[in-house]
Amino acid sequence: MTFSSLLSSQCNFLAAFLQLLPLAVSFADLLPVPILSADPRHDVYYEGERVTMTCSAPTMRKIGGFRFFNQTGEQIDLQTPYSLATAWLHLTATKASSGEYTCMYFLKESGQEIPSNRSLPLSLKVQAAPTAPTLSLDPQQQVYRPGNHVNLVCSFPSSSDDVKQVQYYADTGFAVSVRVSNVKNHSFNLRITGDMVSGSYSCAYFVNKATCPIRSELSPSVIVYVKSEFSNPSSLEHLVTTDPSLVNSLPVCLPMNSSMSLISIPSCPVSIRLSASDSLSIII
């Protein structure tokens, strides 16, 4: 082979290589890597805390969507179509939430999806919620009558200095929150106004472990059974059964700027009101 023919062959090879070079570069390498962050940002999260993950695409190009991935690499959320340069994923921390998370975004051009590379991993470490308190009734009776009073006594396993708030739950879906300080238990006086008070009750306490109060696990429930002269047994049956979905819908981080507050769920027909005398009345 002559020198000229060898040179010609190398030139042809180089020309072919240069034509293929754009195809050899991944589309992902052409897009800036997204940035994944968490709000609030803690070294450790506790079960029940709300965490918002934010995936930001540092590009001016039109976004087609976002994907979020968990610690196993499994896609846990897909947001498409999507036109903003930032996407949010809201999580409630559980023990299973511990691990590293990533995200990516993609463009859509001529019907083709052009993905970015995944973000750097974001690590979440989740610890168990504070241990559940115990709830007892004083006096403990099988049946209560209208006009009676019963104390709901919520006892905390944690140091009394750590407990800042106590919350009592009724299975109607409402909760009463009371601010406390330096106590090992809290007694809440429930006034028996009628058989509508019958039901399942539980409590939880809040401690300051992060930027907002962290709720403990719920106490085992206790039953308050009220029997009046005009009691309707069929109406009592559904009150005794706890609906966890209503309890779990209550906020985890609560305002602590007042000693007493009322929390309600608009879809429920019953409200629980905390009076100035620290007794609980249920009003239909």
Protein backbone atom coordinates (compact mmCIF):
# COMPACT_ATOMS: atom_id res chain seq x y z
CA MET A 1 0.00 0.00 0.00
CA THR A 2 1.41 3.34 -1.04
CA PHE A 3 1.71 6.26 1.32
CA SER A 4 -0.94 8.23 -0.57
CA SER A 5 -3.47 5.39 -0.44
CA LEU A 6 -2.79 4.89 3.30
CA LEU A 7 -3.27 8.59 3.92
CA SER A 8 -6.50 8.54 1.92
CA SER A 9 -7.79 5.57 3.94
CA GLN A 10 -7.02 7.28 7.24
CA CYS A 11 -8.72 10.46 6.10
CA ASN A 12 -11.85 8.52 5.13
CA PHE A 13 -11.85 6.79 8.55
CA LEU A 14 -11.45 10.11 10.34
CA ALA A 15 -14.30 11.66 8.37
CA ALA A 16 -16.59 8.74 9.22
CA PHE A 17 -15.60 8.95 12.90
CA LEU A 18 -16.34 12.68 13.03
CA GLN A 19 -19.79 12.03 11.57
CA LEU A 20 -20.56 9.44 14.26
CA LEU A 21 -19.11 11.46 17.12
CA PRO A 22 -22.31 13.44 17.90
CA LEU A 23 -24.21 10.15 18.17
CA ALA A 24 -21.64 8.75 20.60
CA VAL A 25 -22.24 11.60 23.05
CA SER A 26 -25.19 10.81 25.31
CA PHE A 27 -28.05 13.29 25.36
CA ALA A 28 -27.82 13.13 29.16
CA ASP A 29 -24.27 14.48 29.02
CA LEU A 30 -25.56 17.54 27.18
CA LEU A 31 -28.00 18.48 29.98
CA PRO A 32 -26.95 19.98 33.33
CA VAL A 33 -27.32 17.60 36.27
CA PRO A 34 -30.32 18.43 38.49
CA ILE A 35 -29.95 19.43 42.15
CA LEU A 36 -31.90 17.54 44.83
CA SER A 37 -32.50 19.14 48.25
CA ALA A 38 -34.75 18.59 51.28
CA ASP A 39 -36.80 20.99 53.39
CA PRO A 40 -36.45 21.01 56.34
CA ARG A 41 -32.89 19.71 56.25
CA HIS A 42 -31.84 17.67 59.32
CA ASP A 43 -29.15 15.13 60.03
CA VAL A 44 -31.88 12.92 61.52
CA TYR A 45 -35.63 12.85 60.89
CA TYR A 46 -38.24 11.29 63.13
CA GLU A 47 -41.18 9.16 62.09
CA GLY A 48 -44.14 11.35 61.26
CA GLU A 49 -42.10 14.36 60.15
CA ARG A 50 -43.05 15.92 56.83
CA VAL A 51 -40.20 16.28 54.33
CA THR A 52 -40.34 18.07 50.98
CA MET A 53 -37.80 17.04 48.35
CA THR A 54 -37.04 19.64 45.68
CA CYS A 55 -35.53 18.70 42.32
CA SER A 56 -34.21 21.69 40.37
CA ALA A 57 -33.24 21.58 36.70
CA PRO A 58 -30.55 24.22 35.97
CA THR A 59 -31.57 24.76 32.34
CA MET A 60 -33.60 27.29 30.38
CA ARG A 61 -34.91 24.63 28.02
CA LYS A 62 -38.54 23.50 28.22
CA ILE A 63 -38.94 20.69 30.75
CA GLY A 64 -41.01 17.63 29.89
CA GLY A 65 -41.12 16.07 33.36
CA PHE A 66 -39.33 14.84 36.47
CA ARG A 67 -38.65 11.47 38.05
CA PHE A 68 -37.76 10.69 41.68
CA PHE A 69 -36.02 7.49 42.79
CA ASN A 70 -35.66 5.83 46.19
CA GLN A 71 -32.71 4.10 47.81
CA THR A 72 -33.19 0.94 45.74
CA GLY A 73 -33.22 2.89 42.48
CA GLU A 74 -36.96 2.33 42.06
CA GLN A 75 -38.95 5.18 40.55
CA ILE A 76 -41.30 6.51 43.25
CA ASP A 77 -42.77 9.49 41.46
CA LEU A 78 -43.26 10.70 37.89
CA GLN A 79 -44.44 14.23 37.17
CA THR A 80 -45.36 14.75 33.52
CA PRO A 81 -46.36 16.77 31.61
CA TYR A 82 -44.52 19.40 33.57
CA SER A 83 -43.36 22.84 32.49
CA LEU A 84 -41.62 24.27 35.59
CA ALA A 85 -37.88 23.99 36.22
CA THR A 86 -38.49 22.72 39.77
CA ALA A 87 -40.52 19.75 41.05
CA TRP A 88 -41.49 18.83 44.61
CA LEU A 89 -42.09 15.48 46.29
CA HIS A 90 -43.79 15.46 49.71
CA LEU A 91 -42.97 12.59 52.07
CA THR A 92 -43.98 11.58 55.59
CA ALA A 93 -40.91 10.03 57.22
CA THR A 94 -41.09 6.37 58.24
CA LYS A 95 -38.43 3.83 59.16
CA ALA A 96 -38.63 2.56 55.58
CA SER A 97 -37.81 6.07 54.32
CA SER A 98 -34.17 5.87 55.41
CA GLY A 99 -31.76 5.82 52.50
CA GLU A 100 -30.53 7.81 49.52
CA TYR A 101 -32.75 9.50 46.96
CA THR A 102 -32.06 10.86 43.50
CA CYS A 103 -34.00 12.68 40.79
CA MET A 104 -33.73 13.48 37.10
CA TYR A 105 -35.60 15.53 34.53
CA PHE A 106 -36.21 15.08 30.85
CA LEU A 107 -37.05 17.12 27.77
CA LYS A 108 -39.46 16.15 25.04
CA GLU A 109 -38.44 17.08 21.52
CA SER A 110 -40.01 15.70 18.33
CA GLY A 111 -41.79 13.06 20.39
CA GLN A 112 -38.49 11.84 21.86
CA GLU A 113 -37.68 11.86 25.59
CA ILE A 114 -34.24 13.32 26.30
CA PRO A 115 -33.21 12.45 29.90
CA SER A 116 -30.68 14.14 32.11
CA ASN A 117 -28.31 12.25 34.34
CA ARG A 118 -29.52 11.65 37.88
CA SER A 119 -28.77 14.13 40.65
CA LEU A 120 -26.22 13.48 43.35
CA PRO A 121 -27.84 11.31 46.06
CA LEU A 122 -29.60 12.91 49.02
CA SER A 123 -29.48 10.89 52.22
CA LEU A 124 -32.36 10.68 54.72
CA LYS A 125 -31.88 9.09 58.13
CA VAL A 126 -35.11 8.34 59.99
CA GLN A 127 -35.43 7.37 63.64
CA ALA A 128 -38.45 5.91 65.40
CA ALA A 129 -40.99 8.31 66.86
CA PRO A 130 -40.87 8.84 70.65
CA THR A 131 -42.35 5.94 72.61
CA ALA A 132 -46.13 5.89 73.00
CA PRO A 133 -47.66 7.19 76.23
CA THR A 134 -50.29 5.31 78.24
CA LEU A 135 -53.86 6.51 78.61
CA SER A 136 -56.12 5.58 81.50
CA LEU A 137 -59.55 6.59 82.80
CA ASP A 138 -60.19 7.95 86.29
CA PRO A 139 -62.58 6.75 87.53
CA GLN A 140 -62.52 3.54 85.49
CA GLN A 141 -66.09 2.43 84.84
CA GLN A 142 -67.75 0.10 82.38
CA VAL A 143 -70.62 2.55 81.88
CA TYR A 144 -70.83 6.32 82.30
CA ARG A 145 -74.00 8.38 82.64
CA PRO A 146 -74.77 11.91 81.41
CA GLY A 147 -73.61 14.37 84.03
CA ASN A 148 -70.60 12.25 85.01
CA HIS A 149 -67.01 13.40 84.59
CA VAL A 150 -64.06 11.19 83.67
CA ASN A 151 -60.39 12.14 83.60
CA LEU A 152 -58.31 11.07 80.59
CA VAL A 153 -54.86 10.58 82.17
CA CYS A 154 -52.02 10.60 79.62
CA SER A 155 -48.68 9.46 81.13
CA PHE A 156 -45.37 10.04 79.33
CA PRO A 157 -42.36 7.72 79.27
CA SER A 158 -40.02 10.54 78.24
CA SER A 159 -38.36 13.06 80.50
CA SER A 160 -40.92 15.58 81.68
CA ASP A 161 -38.65 18.42 80.56
CA ASP A 162 -38.93 17.29 76.93
CA VAL A 163 -42.73 17.17 76.70
CA LYS A 164 -44.17 20.44 75.42
CA GLN A 165 -47.64 19.50 74.27
CA VAL A 166 -50.28 16.80 74.75
CA GLN A 167 -52.99 15.92 72.29
CA TYR A 168 -56.15 13.92 72.94
CA TYR A 169 -57.94 12.19 70.07
CA ALA A 170 -61.52 11.02 69.72
CA ASP A 171 -62.50 8.53 67.05
CA THR A 172 -64.76 11.15 65.54
CA GLY A 173 -61.61 12.58 63.97
CA PHE A 174 -61.05 15.57 66.22
CA ALA A 175 -58.21 16.41 68.58
CA VAL A 176 -57.68 18.79 71.47
CA SER A 177 -54.16 20.09 72.03
CA VAL A 178 -52.93 21.33 75.43
CA ARG A 179 -49.57 22.94 76.12
CA VAL A 180 -47.72 21.51 79.15
CA SER A 181 -44.41 22.00 80.92
CA ASN A 182 -42.43 19.93 83.45
CA VAL A 183 -45.10 17.29 84.02
CA LYS A 184 -44.93 13.49 83.86
CA ASN A 185 -48.60 13.15 82.96
CA HIS A 186 -51.59 15.26 82.11
CA SER A 187 -55.17 14.76 83.24
CA PHE A 188 -57.93 16.00 80.98
CA ASN A 189 -61.47 16.26 82.35
CA LEU A 190 -64.08 14.91 79.95
CA ARG A 191 -67.62 16.00 80.77
CA ILE A 192 -70.20 13.38 79.85
CA THR A 193 -72.96 15.32 78.10
CA GLY A 194 -74.70 12.38 76.43
CA ASP A 195 -74.22 9.15 74.52
CA MET A 196 -72.56 11.06 71.67
CA VAL A 197 -69.44 11.14 73.88
CA SER A 198 -69.19 7.33 73.65
CA GLY A 199 -66.19 6.22 71.70
CA SER A 200 -62.51 5.41 71.56
CA TYR A 201 -59.93 7.86 72.91
CA SER A 202 -56.15 7.99 72.66
CA CYS A 203 -53.39 10.49 73.32
CA ALA A 204 -49.93 11.49 72.16
CA TYR A 205 -47.31 13.94 73.36
CA PHE A 206 -44.93 16.25 71.50
CA VAL A 207 -41.25 16.83 72.12
CA ASN A 208 -38.86 19.33 70.55
CA LYS A 209 -36.46 17.23 68.51
CA ALA A 210 -36.17 19.40 65.39
CA THR A 211 -37.51 22.70 64.09
CA CYS A 212 -41.04 21.74 65.11
CA PRO A 213 -42.59 19.46 67.76
CA ILE A 214 -42.33 15.74 67.00
CA ARG A 215 -45.36 13.61 67.83
CA SER A 216 -44.95 10.38 69.75
CA GLU A 217 -46.61 7.14 68.78
CA LEU A 218 -50.28 7.00 69.73
CA SER A 219 -51.23 5.46 73.04
CA PRO A 220 -53.37 2.33 73.09
CA SER A 221 -56.98 3.47 72.99
CA VAL A 222 -59.48 3.41 75.85
CA ILE A 223 -63.24 3.13 75.53
CA VAL A 224 -65.70 5.52 77.10
CA TYR A 225 -69.17 3.96 76.98
CA VAL A 226 -72.05 6.25 77.82
CA LYS A 227 -75.56 4.96 78.40
CA SER A 228 -78.46 7.33 78.79
CA GLU A 229 -82.18 6.74 79.01
CA PHE A 230 -82.54 7.50 75.30
CA SER A 231 -79.38 5.77 74.05
CA ASN A 232 -79.51 4.40 70.54
CA PRO A 233 -77.35 1.23 70.50
CA SER A 234 -76.92 1.30 66.73
CA SER A 235 -75.47 4.80 66.88
CA LEU A 236 -72.94 3.74 69.54
CA GLU A 237 -71.60 0.84 67.51
CA HIS A 238 -69.83 2.98 64.93
CA LEU A 239 -68.44 5.37 67.54
CA VAL A 240 -66.52 2.63 69.34
CA THR A 241 -64.53 1.74 66.23
CA THR A 242 -61.45 3.89 65.68
CA ASP A 243 -60.93 5.21 62.15
CA PRO A 244 -57.10 5.44 61.77
CA SER A 245 -57.41 7.50 58.61
CA LEU A 246 -58.98 10.32 60.59
CA VAL A 247 -56.29 10.22 63.28
CA ASN A 248 -53.48 10.13 60.71
CA SER A 249 -54.91 13.15 58.93
CA LEU A 250 -54.07 15.39 61.88
CA PRO A 251 -51.04 17.65 61.46
CA VAL A 252 -47.73 16.50 62.95
CA CYS A 253 -46.25 19.95 63.60
CA LEU A 254 -48.63 22.09 65.64
CA PRO A 255 -48.52 25.76 66.67
CA MET A 256 -47.42 26.26 70.24
CA ASN A 257 -48.20 29.95 70.71
CA SER A 258 -51.20 29.30 72.95
CA SER A 259 -51.89 26.97 75.83
CA MET A 260 -55.04 25.56 74.22
CA SER A 261 -56.10 25.14 70.63
CA LEU A 262 -58.88 23.52 68.65
CA ILE A 263 -58.22 21.30 65.66
CA SER A 264 -61.10 20.19 63.48
CA ILE A 265 -61.78 18.35 60.24
CA PRO A 266 -64.50 20.14 58.25
CA SER A 267 -65.97 16.97 56.75
CA CYS A 268 -66.99 15.62 60.18
CA PRO A 269 -70.37 16.59 61.72
CA VAL A 270 -69.09 16.77 65.33
CA SER A 271 -66.74 19.28 66.92
CA ILE A 272 -64.73 19.02 70.13
CA ARG A 273 -64.34 22.25 72.10
CA LEU A 274 -61.98 22.89 74.99
CA SER A 275 -63.63 25.23 77.49
CA ALA A 276 -61.90 27.55 79.91
CA SER A 277 -62.57 25.08 82.75
CA ASP A 278 -60.40 22.45 80.96
CA SER A 279 -63.29 20.11 80.27
CA LEU A 280 -64.26 18.56 76.98
CA SER A 281 -67.72 19.06 75.57
CA ILE A 282 -68.94 17.50 72.35
CA ILE A 283 -71.46 19.57 70.43
CA ILE A 284 -73.51 18.41 67.49
